[in-house]
Amino acid sequence: MIRRCDDRDFELICAIINEAALAYKGIIPADLWTEPYMSKKELQHELEEGVVFWGMKMLGRWQV
């Protein structure tokens, strides 16, 4: 099942963004790199600006 993510998925979205960003550590310029790469405050701001995420349930757990 695919569905639009909502407030229930906030923590998972944040974790996925930051885990994925680790693949680019060392490629993203050091002056732009932060840990975590995207804070919860930044993610909340992006969502308020209209960014949306969609998730798919695979093997019994949600993937965003």
C-alpha atoms as a PDB file:
ATOM      1  CA  MET A   1       0.000   0.000   0.000  1.00  0.00           C
ATOM      2  CA  ILE A   2       1.260   3.480  -0.894  1.00  0.00           C
ATOM      3  CA  ARG A   3       0.027   6.506   1.024  1.00  0.00           C
ATOM      4  CA  ARG A   4       0.908  10.105   1.659  1.00  0.00           C
ATOM      5  CA  CYS A   5       2.928  10.432   4.855  1.00  0.00           C
ATOM      6  CA  ASP A   6       1.526  12.427   7.751  1.00  0.00           C
ATOM      7  CA  ASP A   7       2.479  13.478  11.271  1.00  0.00           C
ATOM      8  CA  ARG A   8       2.740   9.831  12.364  1.00  0.00           C
ATOM      9  CA  ASP A   9       5.706   9.433  10.018  1.00  0.00           C
ATOM     10  CA  PHE A  10       7.719  12.485  11.068  1.00  0.00           C
ATOM     11  CA  GLU A  11      10.385  10.620  13.063  1.00  0.00           C
ATOM     12  CA  LEU A  12      10.805   7.981  10.345  1.00  0.00           C
ATOM     13  CA  ILE A  13      11.142  10.609   7.607  1.00  0.00           C
ATOM     14  CA  CYS A  14      13.764  12.473   9.625  1.00  0.00           C
ATOM     15  CA  ALA A  15      15.721   9.273  10.279  1.00  0.00           C
ATOM     16  CA  ILE A  16      15.665   8.238   6.607  1.00  0.00           C
ATOM     17  CA  ILE A  17      16.826  11.672   5.427  1.00  0.00           C
ATOM     18  CA  ASN A  18      19.746  11.646   7.842  1.00  0.00           C
ATOM     19  CA  GLU A  19      20.711   8.024   7.160  1.00  0.00           C
ATOM     20  CA  ALA A  20      20.657   8.670   3.412  1.00  0.00           C
ATOM     21  CA  ALA A  21      22.753  11.816   3.801  1.00  0.00           C
ATOM     22  CA  LEU A  22      25.552   9.751   5.345  1.00  0.00           C
ATOM     23  CA  ALA A  23      26.211   8.311   1.874  1.00  0.00           C
ATOM     24  CA  TYR A  24      27.244  11.820   0.814  1.00  0.00           C
ATOM     25  CA  LYS A  25      29.417  12.657   3.829  1.00  0.00           C
ATOM     26  CA  GLY A  26      32.733  13.794   2.414  1.00  0.00           C
ATOM     27  CA  ILE A  27      31.062  14.701  -0.881  1.00  0.00           C
ATOM     28  CA  ILE A  28      28.832  17.423   0.554  1.00  0.00           C
ATOM     29  CA  PRO A  29      31.200  20.344   1.249  1.00  0.00           C
ATOM     30  CA  ALA A  30      32.304  20.472   4.883  1.00  0.00           C
ATOM     31  CA  ASP A  31      30.913  23.977   5.337  1.00  0.00           C
ATOM     32  CA  LEU A  32      27.456  22.677   4.382  1.00  0.00           C
ATOM     33  CA  TRP A  33      27.600  19.436   6.369  1.00  0.00           C
ATOM     34  CA  THR A  34      25.877  19.311   9.769  1.00  0.00           C
ATOM     35  CA  GLU A  35      25.043  16.458  12.093  1.00  0.00           C
ATOM     36  CA  PRO A  36      22.323  15.609  11.886  1.00  0.00           C
ATOM     37  CA  TYR A  37      22.258  16.685   8.256  1.00  0.00           C
ATOM     38  CA  MET A  38      18.642  17.862   8.617  1.00  0.00           C
ATOM     39  CA  SER A  39      17.352  18.806  12.044  1.00  0.00           C
ATOM     40  CA  LYS A  40      13.784  18.139  13.108  1.00  0.00           C
ATOM     41  CA  LYS A  41      13.223  21.903  13.092  1.00  0.00           C
ATOM     42  CA  GLU A  42      14.424  22.136   9.469  1.00  0.00           C
ATOM     43  CA  LEU A  43      12.244  19.197   8.430  1.00  0.00           C
ATOM     44  CA  GLN A  44       9.214  20.752  10.119  1.00  0.00           C
ATOM     45  CA  HIS A  45       9.871  23.998   8.254  1.00  0.00           C
ATOM     46  CA  GLU A  46      10.068  22.170   4.918  1.00  0.00           C
ATOM     47  CA  LEU A  47       6.795  20.354   5.611  1.00  0.00           C
ATOM     48  CA  GLU A  48       5.125  23.643   6.508  1.00  0.00           C
ATOM     49  CA  GLU A  49       6.391  25.048   3.187  1.00  0.00           C
ATOM     50  CA  GLY A  50       4.582  22.270   1.322  1.00  0.00           C
ATOM     51  CA  VAL A  51       7.099  19.436   0.885  1.00  0.00           C
ATOM     52  CA  VAL A  52       5.289  16.089   0.957  1.00  0.00           C
ATOM     53  CA  PHE A  53       6.517  12.518   1.306  1.00  0.00           C
ATOM     54  CA  TRP A  54       4.906   9.290   0.225  1.00  0.00           C
ATOM     55  CA  GLY A  55       5.505   5.918   1.854  1.00  0.00           C
ATOM     56  CA  MET A  56       5.037   2.299   0.885  1.00  0.00           C
ATOM     57  CA  LYS A  57       4.501  -0.614   3.243  1.00  0.00           C
ATOM     58  CA  MET A  58       6.970  -3.397   2.377  1.00  0.00           C
ATOM     59  CA  LEU A  59       7.559  -6.588   4.296  1.00  0.00           C
ATOM     60  CA  GLY A  60       5.371  -5.412   7.144  1.00  0.00           C
ATOM     61  CA  ARG A  61       7.091  -2.044   7.701  1.00  0.00           C
ATOM     62  CA  TRP A  62       6.769   1.423   6.245  1.00  0.00           C
ATOM     63  CA  GLN A  63       9.291   2.732   3.757  1.00  0.00           C
ATOM     64  CA  VAL A  64       9.338   6.427   2.934  1.00  0.00           C
END
